[in-house]
Amino acid sequence: MEYMVPPIVLCESGHNICDQCRPKLPICPACRRPFLEARNIALETLAQGLRYPCRNRHLGCPEVYPMALISKHHLMCQHRPYECPLKVPGRCSWKGAANRLNTAIVHGLAPVQERASHANQLCDKVKSVHHMPINSVIQSREYITRQSTL
């Protein structure tokens, strides 16, 4: 479920809906009446003053931010789920939180002899696209290289 963020409009019966859900619904899901163009300024003001937990809280993120900053946090959250940046067909079907990528690389993204190569490509991609901490990327690369030479 997403946060209710401005603009927040009303239906004919006074139920609220935000701009994210409104385009998906032709009528109010609570009372089946049409939506108005009237905004609920009081609720919008209240929403802007609240602090919102990260949507990845169920994945372990403890962060809480005001509405103005929560979207930026979501883009860089280390607990956010995503697919392997390389998406190698037939070899890399991993999906999960960014903070669990190290374990995923070591334990199953590719056969042992291919992990070092895969990790190097993956590390370069992660650094440039997914904003993972550089020390985490380097540790992954070093560990995988050692494992693949054993």
N, C-alpha and C. Protein backbone atom coordinates (compact mmCIF):
# COMPACT_ATOMS: atom_id res chain seq x y z
N MET A 1 0.85 -1.18 0.00
CA MET A 1 0.00 0.00 0.00
C MET A 1 0.89 1.24 0.00
N GLU A 2 0.50 2.22 -0.76
CA GLU A 2 1.26 3.47 -0.87
C GLU A 2 0.74 4.49 0.14
N TYR A 3 1.50 5.55 0.29
CA TYR A 3 1.10 6.65 1.17
C TYR A 3 0.09 7.53 0.45
N MET A 4 -0.81 8.13 1.22
CA MET A 4 -1.74 9.09 0.64
C MET A 4 -1.03 10.44 0.60
N VAL A 5 -0.72 10.88 -0.60
CA VAL A 5 0.02 12.14 -0.77
C VAL A 5 -0.80 13.12 -1.61
N PRO A 6 -0.59 14.41 -1.41
CA PRO A 6 -1.32 15.42 -2.18
C PRO A 6 -1.03 15.31 -3.68
N PRO A 7 -1.98 15.69 -4.49
CA PRO A 7 -3.29 16.21 -4.13
C PRO A 7 -4.25 15.09 -3.71
N ILE A 8 -5.02 15.36 -2.68
CA ILE A 8 -6.02 14.43 -2.16
C ILE A 8 -7.39 15.02 -2.48
N VAL A 9 -8.21 14.25 -3.19
CA VAL A 9 -9.54 14.73 -3.57
C VAL A 9 -10.61 13.90 -2.87
N LEU A 10 -11.84 14.37 -2.98
CA LEU A 10 -12.98 13.74 -2.31
C LEU A 10 -13.96 13.14 -3.32
N CYS A 11 -14.72 12.17 -2.86
CA CYS A 11 -15.87 11.70 -3.64
C CYS A 11 -17.10 12.47 -3.16
N GLU A 12 -18.23 12.24 -3.77
CA GLU A 12 -19.46 12.95 -3.38
C GLU A 12 -19.87 12.69 -1.93
N SER A 13 -19.44 11.56 -1.37
CA SER A 13 -19.79 11.24 0.02
C SER A 13 -18.73 11.69 1.02
N GLY A 14 -17.62 12.24 0.53
CA GLY A 14 -16.59 12.75 1.42
C GLY A 14 -15.42 11.82 1.66
N HIS A 15 -15.37 10.69 0.97
CA HIS A 15 -14.21 9.80 1.10
C HIS A 15 -13.01 10.39 0.36
N ASN A 16 -11.83 10.12 0.87
CA ASN A 16 -10.60 10.69 0.32
C ASN A 16 -9.89 9.70 -0.60
N ILE A 17 -9.22 10.24 -1.61
CA ILE A 17 -8.38 9.43 -2.49
C ILE A 17 -7.24 10.32 -2.97
N CYS A 18 -6.05 9.73 -3.08
CA CYS A 18 -4.91 10.55 -3.49
C CYS A 18 -4.67 10.43 -4.99
N ASP A 19 -3.74 11.22 -5.45
CA ASP A 19 -3.44 11.33 -6.87
C ASP A 19 -2.85 10.04 -7.45
N GLN A 20 -2.25 9.20 -6.61
CA GLN A 20 -1.67 7.96 -7.10
C GLN A 20 -2.73 6.90 -7.42
N CYS A 21 -3.77 6.85 -6.60
CA CYS A 21 -4.82 5.84 -6.80
C CYS A 21 -5.97 6.32 -7.69
N ARG A 22 -6.21 7.60 -7.71
CA ARG A 22 -7.35 8.16 -8.44
C ARG A 22 -7.43 7.72 -9.90
N PRO A 23 -6.34 7.73 -10.68
CA PRO A 23 -6.44 7.33 -12.08
C PRO A 23 -6.82 5.85 -12.28
N LYS A 24 -6.63 5.05 -11.25
CA LYS A 24 -6.92 3.61 -11.36
C LYS A 24 -8.38 3.27 -11.06
N LEU A 25 -9.11 4.23 -10.51
CA LEU A 25 -10.48 3.96 -10.06
C LEU A 25 -11.48 4.91 -10.71
N PRO A 26 -12.48 4.39 -11.40
CA PRO A 26 -13.48 5.27 -12.03
C PRO A 26 -14.46 5.89 -11.03
N ILE A 27 -14.71 5.16 -9.92
CA ILE A 27 -15.62 5.65 -8.88
C ILE A 27 -15.04 5.31 -7.51
N CYS A 28 -15.59 5.88 -6.47
CA CYS A 28 -15.12 5.64 -5.11
C CYS A 28 -15.31 4.17 -4.73
N PRO A 29 -14.29 3.49 -4.28
CA PRO A 29 -14.44 2.07 -3.91
C PRO A 29 -15.24 1.87 -2.63
N ALA A 30 -15.38 2.92 -1.81
CA ALA A 30 -16.10 2.78 -0.54
C ALA A 30 -17.62 2.92 -0.72
N CYS A 31 -18.05 3.86 -1.58
CA CYS A 31 -19.50 4.12 -1.69
C CYS A 31 -20.03 4.05 -3.12
N ARG A 32 -19.14 3.85 -4.08
CA ARG A 32 -19.50 3.74 -5.50
C ARG A 32 -20.05 5.04 -6.08
N ARG A 33 -19.73 6.18 -5.49
CA ARG A 33 -20.16 7.48 -5.99
C ARG A 33 -19.01 8.11 -6.77
N PRO A 34 -19.27 9.09 -7.62
CA PRO A 34 -18.22 9.73 -8.42
C PRO A 34 -17.29 10.59 -7.56
N PHE A 35 -16.10 10.80 -8.08
CA PHE A 35 -15.14 11.69 -7.43
C PHE A 35 -15.42 13.13 -7.85
N LEU A 36 -15.10 14.04 -6.96
CA LEU A 36 -15.21 15.47 -7.23
C LEU A 36 -13.81 15.99 -7.56
N GLU A 37 -13.74 17.22 -8.00
CA GLU A 37 -12.44 17.86 -8.21
C GLU A 37 -12.02 18.64 -6.97
N ALA A 38 -12.81 18.56 -5.91
CA ALA A 38 -12.53 19.28 -4.67
C ALA A 38 -11.39 18.61 -3.91
N ARG A 39 -10.41 19.41 -3.51
CA ARG A 39 -9.28 18.88 -2.75
C ARG A 39 -9.54 19.00 -1.26
N ASN A 40 -8.99 18.06 -0.51
CA ASN A 40 -9.09 18.08 0.94
C ASN A 40 -7.81 18.72 1.48
N ILE A 41 -7.80 20.04 1.55
CA ILE A 41 -6.61 20.81 1.95
C ILE A 41 -6.20 20.47 3.38
N ALA A 42 -7.16 20.28 4.27
CA ALA A 42 -6.85 19.97 5.67
C ALA A 42 -6.07 18.65 5.76
N LEU A 43 -6.52 17.63 5.04
CA LEU A 43 -5.83 16.34 5.07
C LEU A 43 -4.47 16.43 4.37
N GLU A 44 -4.38 17.21 3.31
CA GLU A 44 -3.10 17.40 2.63
C GLU A 44 -2.08 18.05 3.57
N THR A 45 -2.51 19.06 4.32
CA THR A 45 -1.62 19.74 5.27
C THR A 45 -1.17 18.78 6.36
N LEU A 46 -2.08 18.00 6.86
CA LEU A 46 -1.76 17.00 7.88
C LEU A 46 -0.76 15.98 7.34
N ALA A 47 -0.98 15.50 6.13
CA ALA A 47 -0.09 14.51 5.51
C ALA A 47 1.33 15.06 5.34
N GLN A 48 1.45 16.33 5.01
CA GLN A 48 2.77 16.93 4.81
C GLN A 48 3.54 17.08 6.11
N GLY A 49 2.84 17.08 7.23
CA GLY A 49 3.50 17.22 8.53
C GLY A 49 3.89 15.91 9.18
N LEU A 50 3.50 14.79 8.59
CA LEU A 50 3.79 13.48 9.18
C LEU A 50 5.16 12.96 8.74
N ARG A 51 5.66 11.98 9.48
CA ARG A 51 6.88 11.26 9.10
C ARG A 51 6.45 9.86 8.68
N TYR A 52 6.97 9.40 7.55
CA TYR A 52 6.55 8.14 6.95
C TYR A 52 7.64 7.08 7.05
N PRO A 53 7.28 5.85 7.45
CA PRO A 53 8.28 4.78 7.45
C PRO A 53 8.58 4.35 6.01
N CYS A 54 9.78 3.87 5.81
CA CYS A 54 10.16 3.38 4.49
C CYS A 54 9.24 2.24 4.08
N ARG A 55 8.89 2.19 2.81
CA ARG A 55 8.03 1.10 2.32
C ARG A 55 8.75 -0.24 2.35
N ASN A 56 10.05 -0.23 2.58
CA ASN A 56 10.83 -1.47 2.69
C ASN A 56 11.04 -1.88 4.14
N ARG A 57 10.20 -1.37 5.00
CA ARG A 57 10.31 -1.69 6.42
C ARG A 57 10.22 -3.20 6.65
N HIS A 58 9.36 -3.87 5.93
CA HIS A 58 9.20 -5.33 6.08
C HIS A 58 10.46 -6.08 5.65
N LEU A 59 11.36 -5.40 4.93
CA LEU A 59 12.62 -6.00 4.52
C LEU A 59 13.77 -5.57 5.43
N GLY A 60 13.44 -4.81 6.47
CA GLY A 60 14.45 -4.46 7.46
C GLY A 60 14.86 -3.00 7.52
N CYS A 61 14.29 -2.13 6.73
CA CYS A 61 14.68 -0.73 6.75
C CYS A 61 14.00 -0.01 7.93
N PRO A 62 14.79 0.59 8.81
CA PRO A 62 14.22 1.27 9.97
C PRO A 62 13.96 2.77 9.74
N GLU A 63 14.25 3.29 8.56
CA GLU A 63 14.22 4.73 8.30
C GLU A 63 12.80 5.30 8.27
N VAL A 64 12.69 6.55 8.74
CA VAL A 64 11.43 7.30 8.75
C VAL A 64 11.76 8.72 8.30
N TYR A 65 10.98 9.26 7.34
CA TYR A 65 11.24 10.58 6.79
C TYR A 65 9.96 11.37 6.60
N PRO A 66 10.09 12.71 6.53
CA PRO A 66 8.92 13.53 6.15
C PRO A 66 8.56 13.26 4.69
N MET A 67 7.35 13.60 4.32
CA MET A 67 6.86 13.34 2.97
C MET A 67 7.79 13.89 1.89
N ALA A 68 8.38 15.03 2.14
CA ALA A 68 9.23 15.65 1.13
C ALA A 68 10.50 14.84 0.84
N LEU A 69 10.91 13.97 1.75
CA LEU A 69 12.16 13.22 1.58
C LEU A 69 11.99 11.72 1.38
N ILE A 70 10.82 11.17 1.68
CA ILE A 70 10.66 9.71 1.66
C ILE A 70 10.85 9.13 0.26
N SER A 71 10.41 9.82 -0.78
CA SER A 71 10.58 9.30 -2.15
C SER A 71 12.05 9.21 -2.53
N LYS A 72 12.84 10.20 -2.14
CA LYS A 72 14.28 10.16 -2.42
C LYS A 72 14.94 9.00 -1.68
N HIS A 73 14.52 8.77 -0.44
CA HIS A 73 15.05 7.63 0.31
C HIS A 73 14.73 6.31 -0.38
N HIS A 74 13.51 6.16 -0.87
CA HIS A 74 13.10 4.91 -1.53
C HIS A 74 14.01 4.58 -2.71
N LEU A 75 14.46 5.59 -3.42
CA LEU A 75 15.33 5.36 -4.58
C LEU A 75 16.69 4.81 -4.19
N MET A 76 17.15 5.11 -2.99
CA MET A 76 18.49 4.70 -2.58
C MET A 76 18.50 3.73 -1.41
N CYS A 77 17.34 3.31 -0.95
CA CYS A 77 17.24 2.43 0.22
C CYS A 77 18.00 1.13 -0.02
N GLN A 78 18.86 0.76 0.91
CA GLN A 78 19.64 -0.47 0.79
C GLN A 78 18.79 -1.71 0.98
N HIS A 79 17.56 -1.56 1.41
CA HIS A 79 16.66 -2.70 1.62
C HIS A 79 15.67 -2.87 0.48
N ARG A 80 15.75 -2.00 -0.53
CA ARG A 80 14.78 -2.07 -1.63
C ARG A 80 14.98 -3.34 -2.44
N PRO A 81 13.91 -3.94 -2.93
CA PRO A 81 14.05 -5.12 -3.77
C PRO A 81 14.34 -4.75 -5.22
N TYR A 82 15.17 -5.54 -5.86
CA TYR A 82 15.41 -5.38 -7.28
C TYR A 82 16.00 -6.66 -7.84
N GLU A 83 16.03 -6.76 -9.15
CA GLU A 83 16.58 -7.93 -9.82
C GLU A 83 18.07 -7.75 -10.00
N CYS A 84 18.76 -8.83 -10.30
CA CYS A 84 20.17 -8.75 -10.59
C CYS A 84 20.35 -7.75 -11.73
N PRO A 85 21.25 -6.79 -11.57
CA PRO A 85 21.44 -5.77 -12.62
C PRO A 85 21.91 -6.33 -13.95
N LEU A 86 22.53 -7.50 -13.96
CA LEU A 86 23.00 -8.06 -15.22
C LEU A 86 21.91 -8.81 -15.97
N LYS A 87 20.99 -9.42 -15.23
CA LYS A 87 19.88 -10.18 -15.82
C LYS A 87 20.38 -11.13 -16.92
N VAL A 88 21.33 -11.95 -16.57
CA VAL A 88 21.87 -12.92 -17.51
C VAL A 88 20.83 -14.02 -17.71
N PRO A 89 20.26 -14.18 -18.91
CA PRO A 89 19.22 -15.18 -19.12
C PRO A 89 19.71 -16.59 -18.79
N GLY A 90 18.88 -17.31 -18.06
CA GLY A 90 19.18 -18.70 -17.73
C GLY A 90 20.24 -18.87 -16.67
N ARG A 91 20.86 -17.79 -16.21
CA ARG A 91 21.92 -17.94 -15.23
C ARG A 91 21.68 -17.12 -13.98
N CYS A 92 21.02 -16.01 -14.10
CA CYS A 92 20.90 -15.11 -12.96
C CYS A 92 19.46 -14.65 -12.80
N SER A 93 18.71 -15.35 -12.01
CA SER A 93 17.31 -14.99 -11.82
C SER A 93 17.07 -14.41 -10.43
N TRP A 94 18.14 -13.96 -9.77
CA TRP A 94 18.03 -13.47 -8.41
C TRP A 94 17.19 -12.20 -8.32
N LYS A 95 16.34 -12.14 -7.28
CA LYS A 95 15.58 -10.95 -6.94
C LYS A 95 15.66 -10.82 -5.43
N GLY A 96 15.83 -9.62 -4.94
CA GLY A 96 15.88 -9.43 -3.49
C GLY A 96 16.30 -8.04 -3.12
N ALA A 97 16.61 -7.87 -1.83
CA ALA A 97 17.03 -6.58 -1.31
C ALA A 97 18.49 -6.34 -1.65
N ALA A 98 18.82 -5.09 -1.90
CA ALA A 98 20.19 -4.72 -2.25
C ALA A 98 21.17 -5.14 -1.18
N ASN A 99 20.77 -5.06 0.09
CA ASN A 99 21.68 -5.41 1.16
C ASN A 99 21.93 -6.91 1.27
N ARG A 100 21.23 -7.72 0.48
CA ARG A 100 21.45 -9.17 0.49
C ARG A 100 22.15 -9.65 -0.79
N LEU A 101 22.59 -8.72 -1.59
CA LEU A 101 23.22 -9.06 -2.86
C LEU A 101 24.52 -9.83 -2.67
N ASN A 102 25.33 -9.46 -1.67
CA ASN A 102 26.59 -10.17 -1.44
C ASN A 102 26.35 -11.66 -1.28
N THR A 103 25.43 -12.04 -0.42
CA THR A 103 25.13 -13.44 -0.16
C THR A 103 24.60 -14.12 -1.41
N ALA A 104 23.76 -13.43 -2.15
CA ALA A 104 23.20 -14.02 -3.36
C ALA A 104 24.28 -14.33 -4.40
N ILE A 105 25.25 -13.44 -4.53
CA ILE A 105 26.32 -13.67 -5.50
C ILE A 105 27.12 -14.90 -5.11
N VAL A 106 27.48 -14.97 -3.84
CA VAL A 106 28.34 -16.05 -3.36
C VAL A 106 27.64 -17.40 -3.40
N HIS A 107 26.35 -17.42 -3.15
CA HIS A 107 25.64 -18.69 -3.01
C HIS A 107 24.66 -19.00 -4.13
N GLY A 108 25.01 -18.69 -5.37
CA GLY A 108 24.14 -19.23 -6.37
C GLY A 108 23.81 -18.43 -7.59
N LEU A 109 24.38 -17.29 -7.82
CA LEU A 109 24.06 -16.58 -9.06
C LEU A 109 24.60 -17.31 -10.27
N ALA A 110 25.71 -17.98 -10.11
CA ALA A 110 26.35 -18.66 -11.24
C ALA A 110 27.20 -19.81 -10.71
N PRO A 111 27.61 -20.74 -11.58
CA PRO A 111 28.52 -21.79 -11.14
C PRO A 111 29.79 -21.16 -10.58
N VAL A 112 30.47 -21.87 -9.67
CA VAL A 112 31.63 -21.33 -8.97
C VAL A 112 32.66 -20.73 -9.93
N GLN A 113 32.99 -21.43 -11.01
CA GLN A 113 34.02 -20.94 -11.93
C GLN A 113 33.61 -19.66 -12.65
N GLU A 114 32.31 -19.35 -12.70
CA GLU A 114 31.85 -18.15 -13.39
C GLU A 114 31.55 -17.00 -12.43
N ARG A 115 31.58 -17.26 -11.13
CA ARG A 115 31.17 -16.23 -10.16
C ARG A 115 32.07 -15.01 -10.17
N ALA A 116 33.39 -15.20 -10.29
CA ALA A 116 34.30 -14.05 -10.26
C ALA A 116 34.03 -13.12 -11.43
N SER A 117 33.86 -13.67 -12.62
CA SER A 117 33.57 -12.85 -13.80
C SER A 117 32.23 -12.15 -13.64
N HIS A 118 31.24 -12.90 -13.21
CA HIS A 118 29.90 -12.36 -13.01
C HIS A 118 29.95 -11.26 -11.95
N ALA A 119 30.68 -11.51 -10.87
CA ALA A 119 30.76 -10.53 -9.78
C ALA A 119 31.43 -9.25 -10.24
N ASN A 120 32.48 -9.35 -11.05
CA ASN A 120 33.15 -8.14 -11.53
C ASN A 120 32.21 -7.30 -12.38
N GLN A 121 31.48 -7.94 -13.29
CA GLN A 121 30.52 -7.21 -14.12
C GLN A 121 29.41 -6.63 -13.25
N LEU A 122 28.93 -7.44 -12.33
CA LEU A 122 27.85 -7.02 -11.45
C LEU A 122 28.29 -5.86 -10.57
N CYS A 123 29.49 -5.95 -10.01
CA CYS A 123 29.99 -4.88 -9.15
C CYS A 123 30.09 -3.56 -9.90
N ASP A 124 30.60 -3.60 -11.12
CA ASP A 124 30.69 -2.37 -11.91
C ASP A 124 29.31 -1.78 -12.15
N LYS A 125 28.34 -2.63 -12.48
CA LYS A 125 26.98 -2.17 -12.76
C LYS A 125 26.32 -1.62 -11.49
N VAL A 126 26.48 -2.35 -10.37
CA VAL A 126 25.87 -1.93 -9.11
C VAL A 126 26.40 -0.57 -8.67
N LYS A 127 27.70 -0.37 -8.80
CA LYS A 127 28.30 0.90 -8.40
C LYS A 127 27.70 2.06 -9.19
N SER A 128 27.50 1.86 -10.48
CA SER A 128 27.06 2.97 -11.31
C SER A 128 25.55 3.17 -11.32
N VAL A 129 24.78 2.12 -11.12
CA VAL A 129 23.33 2.23 -11.27
C VAL A 129 22.57 2.16 -9.95
N HIS A 130 23.00 1.28 -9.06
CA HIS A 130 22.18 1.00 -7.88
C HIS A 130 22.67 1.64 -6.59
N HIS A 131 23.69 2.45 -6.66
CA HIS A 131 24.14 3.26 -5.53
C HIS A 131 24.46 2.44 -4.29
N MET A 132 24.98 1.22 -4.48
CA MET A 132 25.39 0.45 -3.32
C MET A 132 26.67 1.04 -2.76
N PRO A 133 26.89 0.92 -1.45
CA PRO A 133 28.13 1.43 -0.88
C PRO A 133 29.32 0.74 -1.53
N ILE A 134 30.35 1.50 -1.84
CA ILE A 134 31.51 0.97 -2.54
C ILE A 134 32.19 -0.12 -1.73
N ASN A 135 32.25 0.00 -0.40
CA ASN A 135 32.92 -1.04 0.39
C ASN A 135 32.19 -2.37 0.30
N SER A 136 30.89 -2.35 0.21
CA SER A 136 30.11 -3.59 0.06
C SER A 136 30.40 -4.24 -1.29
N VAL A 137 30.50 -3.43 -2.33
CA VAL A 137 30.78 -3.94 -3.67
C VAL A 137 32.18 -4.55 -3.73
N ILE A 138 33.16 -3.86 -3.15
CA ILE A 138 34.54 -4.34 -3.17
C ILE A 138 34.66 -5.64 -2.37
N GLN A 139 34.03 -5.70 -1.21
CA GLN A 139 34.07 -6.92 -0.40
C GLN A 139 33.48 -8.09 -1.17
N SER A 140 32.39 -7.88 -1.86
CA SER A 140 31.78 -8.94 -2.66
C SER A 140 32.74 -9.44 -3.72
N ARG A 141 33.34 -8.52 -4.44
CA ARG A 141 34.25 -8.89 -5.53
C ARG A 141 35.43 -9.69 -4.98
N GLU A 142 36.04 -9.23 -3.88
CA GLU A 142 37.20 -9.91 -3.31
C GLU A 142 36.83 -11.30 -2.80
N TYR A 143 35.73 -11.42 -2.10
CA TYR A 143 35.31 -12.70 -1.55
C TYR A 143 35.00 -13.71 -2.66
N ILE A 144 34.30 -13.26 -3.67
CA ILE A 144 33.92 -14.16 -4.77
C ILE A 144 35.15 -14.59 -5.54
N THR A 145 36.09 -13.69 -5.74
CA THR A 145 37.31 -14.06 -6.44
C THR A 145 38.08 -15.12 -5.66
N ARG A 146 38.18 -14.96 -4.34
CA ARG A 146 38.85 -15.97 -3.52
C ARG A 146 38.11 -17.31 -3.60
N GLN A 147 36.78 -17.29 -3.53
CA GLN A 147 36.00 -18.53 -3.57
C GLN A 147 36.13 -19.26 -4.89
N SER A 148 36.22 -18.52 -5.96
CA SER A 148 36.25 -19.16 -7.29
C SER A 148 37.63 -19.76 -7.59
N THR A 149 38.67 -19.36 -6.84
CA THR A 149 39.99 -19.93 -7.07
C THR A 149 40.27 -21.11 -6.17
N LEU A 150 39.38 -21.41 -5.23
CA LEU A 150 39.57 -22.55 -4.32
C LEU A 150 39.34 -23.88 -5.02
